PDB file of N, CA and C in Angstrom:
ATOM      1  N   MET A   1      13.027  28.452   3.987  1.00  0.00           N
ATOM      2  CA  MET A   1      12.427  27.565   4.951  1.00  0.00           C
ATOM      3  C   MET A   1      12.971  26.154   4.697  1.00  0.00           C
ATOM      4  N   THR A   2      13.068  25.372   5.748  1.00  0.00           N
ATOM      5  CA  THR A   2      13.534  23.996   5.593  1.00  0.00           C
ATOM      6  C   THR A   2      12.358  23.023   5.717  1.00  0.00           C
ATOM      7  N   LEU A   3      12.537  21.826   5.199  1.00  0.00           N
ATOM      8  CA  LEU A   3      11.456  20.849   5.116  1.00  0.00           C
ATOM      9  C   LEU A   3      10.908  20.451   6.487  1.00  0.00           C
ATOM     10  N   ASP A   4      11.718  20.484   7.512  1.00  0.00           N
ATOM     11  CA  ASP A   4      11.249  20.095   8.845  1.00  0.00           C
ATOM     12  C   ASP A   4      10.227  21.073   9.427  1.00  0.00           C
ATOM     13  N   LYS A   5      10.141  22.288   8.884  1.00  0.00           N
ATOM     14  CA  LYS A   5       9.223  23.313   9.379  1.00  0.00           C
ATOM     15  C   LYS A   5       7.895  23.340   8.614  1.00  0.00           C
ATOM     16  N   CYS A   6       7.757  22.535   7.584  1.00  0.00           N
ATOM     17  CA  CYS A   6       6.567  22.553   6.730  1.00  0.00           C
ATOM     18  C   CYS A   6       5.405  21.793   7.365  1.00  0.00           C
ATOM     19  N   PRO A   7       4.179  22.288   7.175  1.00  0.00           N
ATOM     20  CA  PRO A   7       3.008  21.587   7.697  1.00  0.00           C
ATOM     21  C   PRO A   7       2.633  20.388   6.812  1.00  0.00           C
ATOM     22  N   VAL A   8       1.870  19.491   7.379  1.00  0.00           N
ATOM     23  CA  VAL A   8       1.413  18.304   6.656  1.00  0.00           C
ATOM     24  C   VAL A   8       0.399  18.707   5.583  1.00  0.00           C
ATOM     25  N   GLY A   9       0.504  18.110   4.392  1.00  0.00           N
ATOM     26  CA  GLY A   9      -0.492  18.282   3.348  1.00  0.00           C
ATOM     27  C   GLY A   9      -0.276  19.401   2.354  1.00  0.00           C
ATOM     28  N   LYS A  10       0.745  20.203   2.504  1.00  0.00           N
ATOM     29  CA  LYS A  10       0.985  21.316   1.590  1.00  0.00           C
ATOM     30  C   LYS A  10       2.190  21.003   0.708  1.00  0.00           C
ATOM     31  N   GLU A  11       2.120  21.397  -0.563  1.00  0.00           N
ATOM     32  CA  GLU A  11       3.206  21.103  -1.492  1.00  0.00           C
ATOM     33  C   GLU A  11       4.272  22.191  -1.486  1.00  0.00           C
ATOM     34  N   TYR A  12       5.507  21.736  -1.571  1.00  0.00           N
ATOM     35  CA  TYR A  12       6.665  22.625  -1.605  1.00  0.00           C
ATOM     36  C   TYR A  12       7.617  22.181  -2.699  1.00  0.00           C
ATOM     37  N   ARG A  13       8.401  23.120  -3.205  1.00  0.00           N
ATOM     38  CA  ARG A  13       9.420  22.823  -4.212  1.00  0.00           C
ATOM     39  C   ARG A  13      10.788  22.926  -3.542  1.00  0.00           C
ATOM     40  N   ILE A  14      11.612  21.927  -3.761  1.00  0.00           N
ATOM     41  CA  ILE A  14      12.955  21.914  -3.188  1.00  0.00           C
ATOM     42  C   ILE A  14      13.810  22.949  -3.922  1.00  0.00           C
ATOM     43  N   THR A  15      14.483  23.807  -3.160  1.00  0.00           N
ATOM     44  CA  THR A  15      15.356  24.812  -3.769  1.00  0.00           C
ATOM     45  C   THR A  15      16.827  24.450  -3.616  1.00  0.00           C
ATOM     46  N   ALA A  16      17.174  23.755  -2.528  1.00  0.00           N
ATOM     47  CA  ALA A  16      18.579  23.376  -2.307  1.00  0.00           C
ATOM     48  C   ALA A  16      18.656  22.181  -1.370  1.00  0.00           C
ATOM     49  N   VAL A  17      19.671  21.362  -1.604  1.00  0.00           N
ATOM     50  CA  VAL A  17      19.956  20.234  -0.717  1.00  0.00           C
ATOM     51  C   VAL A  17      21.321  20.508  -0.111  1.00  0.00           C
ATOM     52  N   ASN A  18      21.332  20.806   1.176  1.00  0.00           N
ATOM     53  CA  ASN A  18      22.576  21.116   1.868  1.00  0.00           C
ATOM     54  C   ASN A  18      23.146  19.852   2.497  1.00  0.00           C
ATOM     55  N   GLY A  19      24.188  20.001   3.243  1.00  0.00           N
ATOM     56  CA  GLY A  19      24.859  18.844   3.829  1.00  0.00           C
ATOM     57  C   GLY A  19      26.136  18.581   3.053  1.00  0.00           C
ATOM     58  N   GLU A  20      26.914  17.646   3.554  1.00  0.00           N
ATOM     59  CA  GLU A  20      28.193  17.361   2.904  1.00  0.00           C
ATOM     60  C   GLU A  20      28.398  15.869   2.766  1.00  0.00           C
ATOM     61  N   GLY A  21      29.185  15.513   1.788  1.00  0.00           N
ATOM     62  CA  GLY A  21      29.640  14.137   1.633  1.00  0.00           C
ATOM     63  C   GLY A  21      28.546  13.123   1.435  1.00  0.00           C
ATOM     64  N   ALA A  22      28.631  12.041   2.222  1.00  0.00           N
ATOM     65  CA  ALA A  22      27.733  10.899   2.061  1.00  0.00           C
ATOM     66  C   ALA A  22      26.273  11.264   2.323  1.00  0.00           C
ATOM     67  N   LEU A  23      26.005  12.157   3.270  1.00  0.00           N
ATOM     68  CA  LEU A  23      24.626  12.546   3.558  1.00  0.00           C
ATOM     69  C   LEU A  23      23.993  13.218   2.350  1.00  0.00           C
ATOM     70  N   ARG A  24      24.670  14.183   1.766  1.00  0.00           N
ATOM     71  CA  ARG A  24      24.130  14.886   0.600  1.00  0.00           C
ATOM     72  C   ARG A  24      23.947  13.922  -0.568  1.00  0.00           C
ATOM     73  N   ARG A  25      24.902  13.061  -0.803  1.00  0.00           N
ATOM     74  CA  ARG A  25      24.814  12.090  -1.896  1.00  0.00           C
ATOM     75  C   ARG A  25      23.619  11.151  -1.682  1.00  0.00           C
ATOM     76  N   ARG A  26      23.403  10.715  -0.438  1.00  0.00           N
ATOM     77  CA  ARG A  26      22.280   9.822  -0.137  1.00  0.00           C
ATOM     78  C   ARG A  26      20.943  10.517  -0.391  1.00  0.00           C
ATOM     79  N   LEU A  27      20.811  11.786   0.019  1.00  0.00           N
ATOM     80  CA  LEU A  27      19.574  12.527  -0.230  1.00  0.00           C
ATOM     81  C   LEU A  27      19.315  12.678  -1.727  1.00  0.00           C
ATOM     82  N   LEU A  28      20.348  13.018  -2.476  1.00  0.00           N
ATOM     83  CA  LEU A  28      20.196  13.166  -3.927  1.00  0.00           C
ATOM     84  C   LEU A  28      19.849  11.834  -4.583  1.00  0.00           C
ATOM     85  N   ASP A  29      20.459  10.741  -4.133  1.00  0.00           N
ATOM     86  CA  ASP A  29      20.183   9.417  -4.695  1.00  0.00           C
ATOM     87  C   ASP A  29      18.745   8.975  -4.444  1.00  0.00           C
ATOM     88  N   MET A  30      18.137   9.459  -3.353  1.00  0.00           N
ATOM     89  CA  MET A  30      16.754   9.103  -3.041  1.00  0.00           C
ATOM     90  C   MET A  30      15.755   9.931  -3.852  1.00  0.00           C
ATOM     91  N   GLY A  31      16.237  10.830  -4.693  1.00  0.00           N
ATOM     92  CA  GLY A  31      15.344  11.637  -5.525  1.00  0.00           C
ATOM     93  C   GLY A  31      15.042  13.001  -4.961  1.00  0.00           C
ATOM     94  N   ILE A  32      15.679  13.355  -3.870  1.00  0.00           N
ATOM     95  CA  ILE A  32      15.471  14.675  -3.261  1.00  0.00           C
ATOM     96  C   ILE A  32      16.432  15.637  -3.948  1.00  0.00           C
ATOM     97  N   THR A  33      15.973  16.195  -5.057  1.00  0.00           N
ATOM     98  CA  THR A  33      16.805  17.075  -5.869  1.00  0.00           C
ATOM     99  C   THR A  33      16.119  18.430  -6.048  1.00  0.00           C
ATOM    100  N   PRO A  34      16.883  19.472  -6.340  1.00  0.00           N
ATOM    101  CA  PRO A  34      16.278  20.788  -6.558  1.00  0.00           C
ATOM    102  C   PRO A  34      15.208  20.749  -7.647  1.00  0.00           C
ATOM    103  N   ARG A  35      14.164  21.557  -7.469  1.00  0.00           N
ATOM    104  CA  ARG A  35      13.011  21.704  -8.350  1.00  0.00           C
ATOM    105  C   ARG A  35      12.007  20.561  -8.265  1.00  0.00           C
ATOM    106  N   THR A  36      12.225  19.602  -7.361  1.00  0.00           N
ATOM    107  CA  THR A  36      11.264  18.519  -7.164  1.00  0.00           C
ATOM    108  C   THR A  36      10.181  18.976  -6.191  1.00  0.00           C
ATOM    109  N   VAL A  37       8.929  18.650  -6.497  1.00  0.00           N
ATOM    110  CA  VAL A  37       7.813  19.004  -5.615  1.00  0.00           C
ATOM    111  C   VAL A  37       7.643  17.889  -4.587  1.00  0.00           C
ATOM    112  N   VAL A  38       7.559  18.275  -3.315  1.00  0.00           N
ATOM    113  CA  VAL A  38       7.380  17.317  -2.219  1.00  0.00           C
ATOM    114  C   VAL A  38       6.207  17.752  -1.347  1.00  0.00           C
ATOM    115  N   MET A  39       5.625  16.775  -0.654  1.00  0.00           N
ATOM    116  CA  MET A  39       4.549  17.064   0.285  1.00  0.00           C
ATOM    117  C   MET A  39       4.752  16.175   1.507  1.00  0.00           C
ATOM    118  N   ILE A  40       4.628  16.743   2.684  1.00  0.00           N
ATOM    119  CA  ILE A  40       4.720  15.946   3.902  1.00  0.00           C
ATOM    120  C   ILE A  40       3.385  15.232   4.078  1.00  0.00           C
ATOM    121  N   ARG A  41       3.437  13.899   4.146  1.00  0.00           N
ATOM    122  CA  ARG A  41       2.222  13.084   4.278  1.00  0.00           C
ATOM    123  C   ARG A  41       1.892  12.792   5.730  1.00  0.00           C
ATOM    124  N   LYS A  42       2.895  12.418   6.512  1.00  0.00           N
ATOM    125  CA  LYS A  42       2.659  12.034   7.906  1.00  0.00           C
ATOM    126  C   LYS A  42       3.852  12.430   8.762  1.00  0.00           C
ATOM    127  N   VAL A  43       3.578  12.593  10.046  1.00  0.00           N
ATOM    128  CA  VAL A  43       4.635  12.817  11.029  1.00  0.00           C
ATOM    129  C   VAL A  43       4.441  11.761  12.113  1.00  0.00           C
ATOM    130  N   ALA A  44       5.513  11.110  12.507  1.00  0.00           N
ATOM    131  CA  ALA A  44       5.435  10.086  13.550  1.00  0.00           C
ATOM    132  C   ALA A  44       4.930  10.699  14.857  1.00  0.00           C
ATOM    133  N   PRO A  45       4.327   9.890  15.723  1.00  0.00           N
ATOM    134  CA  PRO A  45       3.776  10.417  16.985  1.00  0.00           C
ATOM    135  C   PRO A  45       4.772  11.219  17.825  1.00  0.00           C
ATOM    136  N   MET A  46       6.021  10.833  17.826  1.00  0.00           N
ATOM    137  CA  MET A  46       7.026  11.564  18.596  1.00  0.00           C
ATOM    138  C   MET A  46       7.697  12.663  17.773  1.00  0.00           C
ATOM    139  N   GLY A  47       7.236  12.871  16.519  1.00  0.00           N
ATOM    140  CA  GLY A  47       7.756  13.941  15.679  1.00  0.00           C
ATOM    141  C   GLY A  47       8.891  13.540  14.755  1.00  0.00           C
ATOM    142  N   ASP A  48       9.411  12.344  14.881  1.00  0.00           N
ATOM    143  CA  ASP A  48      10.539  11.913  14.045  1.00  0.00           C
ATOM    144  C   ASP A  48      10.412  10.422  13.806  1.00  0.00           C
ATOM    145  N   PRO A  49      10.395   9.941  12.592  1.00  0.00           N
ATOM    146  CA  PRO A  49      10.657  10.588  11.313  1.00  0.00           C
ATOM    147  C   PRO A  49       9.389  11.178  10.680  1.00  0.00           C
ATOM    148  N   ILE A  50       9.564  11.726   9.474  1.00  0.00           N
ATOM    149  CA  ILE A  50       8.436  12.228   8.699  1.00  0.00           C
ATOM    150  C   ILE A  50       8.367  11.454   7.388  1.00  0.00           C
ATOM    151  N   GLU A  51       7.147  11.331   6.863  1.00  0.00           N
ATOM    152  CA  GLU A  51       6.960  10.667   5.573  1.00  0.00           C
ATOM    153  C   GLU A  51       6.636  11.738   4.544  1.00  0.00           C
ATOM    154  N   ILE A  52       7.392  11.747   3.459  1.00  0.00           N
ATOM    155  CA  ILE A  52       7.153  12.716   2.389  1.00  0.00           C
ATOM    156  C   ILE A  52       6.759  11.990   1.112  1.00  0.00           C
ATOM    157  N   HIS A  53       6.001  12.687   0.275  1.00  0.00           N
ATOM    158  CA  HIS A  53       5.590  12.154  -1.023  1.00  0.00           C
ATOM    159  C   HIS A  53       6.303  12.958  -2.099  1.00  0.00           C
ATOM    160  N   LEU A  54       7.049  12.273  -2.958  1.00  0.00           N
ATOM    161  CA  LEU A  54       7.718  12.922  -4.074  1.00  0.00           C
ATOM    162  C   LEU A  54       7.875  11.934  -5.212  1.00  0.00           C
ATOM    163  N   ARG A  55       7.823  12.430  -6.431  1.00  0.00           N
ATOM    164  CA  ARG A  55       8.031  11.617  -7.636  1.00  0.00           C
ATOM    165  C   ARG A  55       7.173  10.352  -7.669  1.00  0.00           C
ATOM    166  N   GLY A  56       5.984  10.399  -7.064  1.00  0.00           N
ATOM    167  CA  GLY A  56       5.069   9.270  -7.118  1.00  0.00           C
ATOM    168  C   GLY A  56       5.297   8.183  -6.078  1.00  0.00           C
ATOM    169  N   TYR A  57       6.140   8.421  -5.098  1.00  0.00           N
ATOM    170  CA  TYR A  57       6.340   7.430  -4.040  1.00  0.00           C
ATOM    171  C   TYR A  57       6.507   8.118  -2.690  1.00  0.00           C
ATOM    172  N   GLU A  58       6.379   7.318  -1.625  1.00  0.00           N
ATOM    173  CA  GLU A  58       6.548   7.827  -0.274  1.00  0.00           C
ATOM    174  C   GLU A  58       7.940   7.487   0.233  1.00  0.00           C
ATOM    175  N   LEU A  59       8.511   8.401   0.974  1.00  0.00           N
ATOM    176  CA  LEU A  59       9.853   8.248   1.507  1.00  0.00           C
ATOM    177  C   LEU A  59       9.849   8.741   2.953  1.00  0.00           C
ATOM    178  N   THR A  60      10.472   7.985   3.833  1.00  0.00           N
ATOM    179  CA  THR A  60      10.555   8.376   5.231  1.00  0.00           C
ATOM    180  C   THR A  60      11.969   8.861   5.523  1.00  0.00           C
ATOM    181  N   ILE A  61      12.064  10.073   6.086  1.00  0.00           N
ATOM    182  CA  ILE A  61      13.378  10.627   6.420  1.00  0.00           C
ATOM    183  C   ILE A  61      13.363  11.156   7.848  1.00  0.00           C
ATOM    184  N   ARG A  62      14.531  11.256   8.427  1.00  0.00           N
ATOM    185  CA  ARG A  62      14.670  11.791   9.776  1.00  0.00           C
ATOM    186  C   ARG A  62      14.576  13.318   9.754  1.00  0.00           C
ATOM    187  N   ILE A  63      14.199  13.871  10.884  1.00  0.00           N
ATOM    188  CA  ILE A  63      14.098  15.331  11.010  1.00  0.00           C
ATOM    189  C   ILE A  63      15.460  15.986  10.773  1.00  0.00           C
ATOM    190  N   ASP A  64      16.532  15.370  11.268  1.00  0.00           N
ATOM    191  CA  ASP A  64      17.868  15.932  11.067  1.00  0.00           C
ATOM    192  C   ASP A  64      18.203  16.050   9.582  1.00  0.00           C
ATOM    193  N   ASP A  65      17.752  15.084   8.777  1.00  0.00           N
ATOM    194  CA  ASP A  65      17.973  15.151   7.331  1.00  0.00           C
ATOM    195  C   ASP A  65      17.066  16.206   6.697  1.00  0.00           C
ATOM    196  N   ALA A  66      15.831  16.317   7.164  1.00  0.00           N
ATOM    197  CA  ALA A  66      14.885  17.301   6.630  1.00  0.00           C
ATOM    198  C   ALA A  66      15.373  18.731   6.864  1.00  0.00           C
ATOM    199  N   LYS A  67      16.144  18.945   7.920  1.00  0.00           N
ATOM    200  CA  LYS A  67      16.687  20.277   8.206  1.00  0.00           C
ATOM    201  C   LYS A  67      17.701  20.716   7.162  1.00  0.00           C
ATOM    202  N   LYS A  68      18.215  19.806   6.378  1.00  0.00           N
ATOM    203  CA  LYS A  68      19.209  20.124   5.349  1.00  0.00           C
ATOM    204  C   LYS A  68      18.574  20.430   3.987  1.00  0.00           C
ATOM    205  N   ILE A  69      17.239  20.296   3.896  1.00  0.00           N
ATOM    206  CA  ILE A  69      16.534  20.474   2.624  1.00  0.00           C
ATOM    207  C   ILE A  69      15.772  21.793   2.654  1.00  0.00           C
ATOM    208  N   GLU A  70      16.173  22.717   1.794  1.00  0.00           N
ATOM    209  CA  GLU A  70      15.518  24.017   1.720  1.00  0.00           C
ATOM    210  C   GLU A  70      14.399  23.957   0.685  1.00  0.00           C
ATOM    211  N   VAL A  71      13.240  24.547   1.035  1.00  0.00           N
ATOM    212  CA  VAL A  71      12.072  24.501   0.159  1.00  0.00           C
ATOM    213  C   VAL A  71      11.397  25.879   0.074  1.00  0.00           C
ATOM    214  N   GLU A  72      10.539  26.010  -0.943  1.00  0.00           N
ATOM    215  CA  GLU A  72       9.673  27.174  -1.078  1.00  0.00           C
ATOM    216  C   GLU A  72       8.299  26.661  -1.458  1.00  0.00           C
ATOM    217  N   GLU A  73       7.275  27.475  -1.270  1.00  0.00           N
ATOM    218  CA  GLU A  73       5.925  27.039  -1.613  1.00  0.00           C
ATOM    219  C   GLU A  73       5.815  26.801  -3.107  1.00  0.00           C
ATOM    220  N   ALA A  74       5.173  25.692  -3.473  1.00  0.00           N
ATOM    221  CA  ALA A  74       4.975  25.363  -4.887  1.00  0.00           C
ATOM    222  C   ALA A  74       3.820  26.198  -5.429  1.00  0.00           C
ATOM    223  N   GLU A  75       3.922  26.597  -6.678  1.00  0.00           N
ATOM    224  CA  GLU A  75       2.862  27.368  -7.295  1.00  0.00           C
ATOM    225  C   GLU A  75       1.678  26.441  -7.562  1.00  0.00           C
ATOM    226  N   ALA A  76       0.493  27.009  -7.487  1.00  0.00           N
ATOM    227  CA  ALA A  76      -0.726  26.214  -7.698  1.00  0.00           C
ATOM    228  C   ALA A  76      -0.913  25.807  -9.130  1.00  0.00           C
TER     229      ALA A  76
END
């Protein structure tokens, strides 16, 4: 499953960061790395962008970028 399909308020673990070149490097530099737990906090009224919570801070990303992030449900 990709991050853009996840519901608000549920925790997920990142399994892979896809994309190429500068986009992938930018996602990794922002802390979006495999095995990191993320939670979608908010979705903009028009659906784009989304705000995610990871590593103790909030980050806003576009839906197109969220489609490149593969996740699985985090264990309780």
